[in-house]
Amino acid sequence: MSAPFVLLGLLAGGPRHGYDLKHAYDRTLPRAKPLGFGQVYATLGRLERDGLVSQSGQEREGGPDRTTFALTEDGRRKLAGWLAAVEEPAPHVASALLAKVVVALLAAGPEQALAYLAAQRRAHVDRLRELTRAKSQPGATVGDVIAADYAITHLDADLTWLAATIERVATPHPGEPS
């Protein structure tokens, strides 16, 4: 998961406390799975243990003391290395969608699989429309738009796969039971 590196990237702009980092993470990656407060603090603890961040002070903003963290030089080097590394394409297909279609074919037959594929296609189209609208909302940031574009591209690939799979399942193949 890239959460530790996103936190390091957020700290590259200056010291912050966990509460601020959590909200900045959610604002920066609005379409990603939200980061829980517990995960932020646990990640900061590991980053501090590994020498990538250090405590830089305490703040009190009308509530409890908040420890601020700053990026260390080792943290800057680690972040730079991560940013320079090319992400390898996923070596395996791990998708609940694929698993469900295969299991539907095995356990329930082509008719049930086709019904599931049609329902999934409708859900994908609905989500595609929602994301397309979100891109043009007033106040949409460049982060909002590129996150929506990323999701739209993946949904579009899924829709292409769904269409091809519907065609394959609907067309009986010699040697396979109908």
Protein backbone atom coordinates (compact mmCIF):
# COMPACT_ATOMS: atom_id res chain seq x y z
CA MET A 1 0.00 0.00 0.00
CA SER A 2 1.25 3.49 -0.76
CA ALA A 3 -0.20 5.21 2.35
CA PRO A 4 3.22 5.57 4.05
CA PHE A 5 4.61 7.25 0.94
CA VAL A 6 1.60 9.54 0.59
CA LEU A 7 2.14 10.60 4.22
CA LEU A 8 5.84 11.20 3.48
CA GLY A 9 4.81 13.26 0.45
CA LEU A 10 2.41 15.32 2.55
CA LEU A 11 5.17 15.93 5.10
CA ALA A 12 7.49 17.12 2.31
CA GLY A 13 5.53 20.39 2.45
CA GLY A 14 6.33 20.88 6.13
CA PRO A 15 5.60 19.47 9.58
CA ARG A 16 2.05 18.27 10.31
CA HIS A 17 0.21 16.37 12.98
CA GLY A 18 -1.71 13.14 12.45
CA TYR A 19 -5.17 14.74 12.40
CA ASP A 20 -4.09 17.14 9.65
CA LEU A 21 -2.34 14.37 7.72
CA LYS A 22 -5.48 12.21 7.74
CA HIS A 23 -7.62 15.03 6.34
CA ALA A 24 -4.96 16.05 3.81
CA TYR A 25 -4.72 12.41 2.63
CA ASP A 26 -8.49 12.23 2.15
CA ARG A 27 -8.52 15.58 0.30
CA THR A 28 -5.53 14.68 -1.86
CA LEU A 29 -6.90 11.26 -2.83
CA PRO A 30 -10.66 11.87 -2.75
CA ARG A 31 -11.58 8.75 -4.70
CA ALA A 32 -9.26 6.44 -2.76
CA LYS A 33 -10.29 4.41 0.24
CA PRO A 34 -10.29 6.85 3.19
CA LEU A 35 -7.45 6.49 5.65
CA GLY A 36 -8.49 5.85 9.25
CA PHE A 37 -7.02 7.86 12.12
CA GLY A 38 -5.66 4.67 13.67
CA GLN A 39 -3.89 3.80 10.43
CA VAL A 40 -2.36 7.29 10.24
CA TYR A 41 -0.94 7.10 13.76
CA ALA A 42 0.26 3.50 13.35
CA THR A 43 1.95 4.44 10.06
CA LEU A 44 3.57 7.52 11.64
CA GLY A 45 4.88 5.27 14.43
CA ARG A 46 6.47 2.91 11.91
CA LEU A 47 7.88 5.81 9.87
CA GLU A 48 9.36 7.29 13.06
CA ARG A 49 10.77 3.90 14.12
CA ASP A 50 12.41 3.59 10.68
CA GLY A 51 13.92 7.10 10.92
CA LEU A 52 11.88 8.52 8.04
CA VAL A 53 9.99 11.07 10.18
CA SER A 54 10.69 12.64 13.53
CA GLN A 55 8.60 14.44 16.10
CA SER A 56 9.03 18.17 15.60
CA GLY A 57 6.85 19.66 18.31
CA GLN A 58 3.48 19.83 19.99
CA GLU A 59 0.44 21.91 19.01
CA ARG A 60 -2.72 22.65 20.91
CA GLU A 61 -5.65 23.98 18.89
CA GLY A 62 -8.45 24.17 21.44
CA GLY A 63 -8.11 20.47 22.26
CA PRO A 64 -5.55 17.89 23.25
CA ASP A 65 -1.87 18.26 22.45
CA ARG A 66 -1.04 17.15 18.93
CA THR A 67 2.40 15.91 18.06
CA THR A 68 3.72 17.29 14.80
CA PHE A 69 5.95 15.20 12.59
CA ALA A 70 8.56 16.29 10.06
CA LEU A 71 10.26 14.46 7.24
CA THR A 72 13.88 13.48 7.92
CA GLU A 73 16.64 13.45 5.31
CA ASP A 74 16.33 9.64 5.19
CA GLY A 75 12.59 10.14 4.65
CA ARG A 76 13.27 12.53 1.76
CA ARG A 77 15.64 10.01 0.15
CA LYS A 78 13.16 7.15 0.62
CA LEU A 79 10.34 9.25 -0.87
CA ALA A 80 12.52 10.29 -3.83
CA GLY A 81 13.41 6.64 -4.48
CA TRP A 82 9.76 5.59 -4.37
CA LEU A 83 8.77 8.41 -6.74
CA ALA A 84 11.52 7.41 -9.19
CA ALA A 85 10.63 3.70 -9.21
CA VAL A 86 8.38 2.52 -12.03
CA GLU A 87 5.39 0.50 -10.83
CA GLU A 88 5.41 -3.03 -12.22
CA PRO A 89 2.20 -4.07 -13.95
CA ALA A 90 0.23 -6.44 -11.74
CA PRO A 91 1.52 -9.99 -12.30
CA HIS A 92 -1.78 -11.64 -11.36
CA VAL A 93 -5.41 -10.91 -11.96
CA ALA A 94 -7.04 -10.41 -8.58
CA SER A 95 -10.57 -9.22 -9.03
CA ALA A 96 -13.78 -10.02 -7.21
CA LEU A 97 -15.57 -9.36 -10.52
CA LEU A 98 -13.58 -12.05 -12.36
CA ALA A 99 -13.92 -14.51 -9.48
CA LYS A 100 -17.70 -14.00 -9.32
CA VAL A 101 -18.15 -14.58 -13.06
CA VAL A 102 -16.03 -17.75 -13.01
CA VAL A 103 -17.86 -19.10 -9.94
CA ALA A 104 -21.24 -18.17 -11.45
CA LEU A 105 -20.34 -20.18 -14.56
CA LEU A 106 -19.15 -23.15 -12.50
CA ALA A 107 -21.88 -23.20 -9.86
CA ALA A 108 -24.94 -21.68 -11.48
CA GLY A 109 -24.46 -21.98 -15.23
CA PRO A 110 -24.37 -19.57 -18.16
CA GLU A 111 -27.85 -18.07 -17.61
CA GLN A 112 -27.01 -16.99 -14.06
CA ALA A 113 -23.61 -15.74 -15.17
CA LEU A 114 -25.21 -13.69 -17.94
CA ALA A 115 -27.72 -12.19 -15.49
CA TYR A 116 -24.86 -11.27 -13.15
CA LEU A 117 -22.80 -9.82 -16.03
CA ALA A 118 -25.74 -7.67 -17.19
CA ALA A 119 -26.36 -6.37 -13.66
CA GLN A 120 -22.65 -5.66 -13.19
CA ARG A 121 -22.53 -3.82 -16.51
CA ARG A 122 -25.41 -1.58 -15.37
CA ALA A 123 -23.60 -0.85 -12.09
CA HIS A 124 -20.41 0.03 -13.98
CA VAL A 125 -22.28 2.36 -16.37
CA ASP A 126 -23.98 4.08 -13.41
CA ARG A 127 -20.62 4.60 -11.68
CA LEU A 128 -19.08 5.85 -14.92
CA ARG A 129 -21.81 8.48 -15.23
CA GLU A 130 -21.37 9.50 -11.59
CA LEU A 131 -17.63 9.98 -12.02
CA THR A 132 -18.09 11.91 -15.27
CA ARG A 133 -20.46 14.31 -13.46
CA ALA A 134 -18.04 14.65 -10.52
CA LYS A 135 -15.30 15.91 -12.84
CA SER A 136 -17.37 18.91 -13.85
CA GLN A 137 -18.60 19.86 -10.37
CA PRO A 138 -17.79 23.38 -9.22
CA GLY A 139 -14.74 23.27 -6.99
CA ALA A 140 -13.37 20.05 -8.50
CA THR A 141 -9.61 20.13 -8.05
CA VAL A 142 -7.06 18.72 -10.46
CA GLY A 143 -6.69 15.86 -7.95
CA ASP A 144 -10.44 15.19 -8.15
CA VAL A 145 -10.33 15.19 -11.95
CA ILE A 146 -7.29 12.92 -12.35
CA ALA A 147 -8.66 10.52 -9.72
CA ALA A 148 -11.97 10.40 -11.60
CA ASP A 149 -10.11 9.92 -14.91
CA TYR A 150 -8.17 7.01 -13.38
CA ALA A 151 -11.36 5.35 -12.14
CA ILE A 152 -13.16 6.02 -15.44
CA THR A 153 -10.34 4.40 -17.42
CA HIS A 154 -10.52 1.29 -15.24
CA LEU A 155 -14.30 1.17 -15.47
CA ASP A 156 -14.04 1.51 -19.25
CA ALA A 157 -11.61 -1.42 -19.37
CA ASP A 158 -14.00 -3.45 -17.19
CA LEU A 159 -16.89 -2.56 -19.51
CA THR A 160 -14.87 -3.74 -22.52
CA TRP A 161 -14.14 -7.00 -20.68
CA LEU A 162 -17.79 -7.36 -19.61
CA ALA A 163 -18.99 -6.97 -23.21
CA ALA A 164 -16.49 -9.56 -24.48
CA THR A 165 -17.37 -11.94 -21.63
CA ILE A 166 -21.12 -11.59 -22.27
CA GLU A 167 -20.47 -12.48 -25.89
CA ARG A 168 -18.32 -15.49 -24.95
CA VAL A 169 -20.77 -16.83 -22.37
CA ALA A 170 -23.78 -16.29 -24.66
CA THR A 171 -22.12 -18.16 -27.53
CA PRO A 172 -21.93 -21.92 -26.91
CA HIS A 173 -18.55 -23.43 -27.68
CA PRO A 174 -18.11 -26.93 -29.16
CA GLY A 175 -17.35 -29.48 -26.47
CA GLU A 176 -18.83 -27.39 -23.64
CA PRO A 177 -22.20 -28.07 -22.07
CA SER A 178 -24.86 -25.54 -22.99
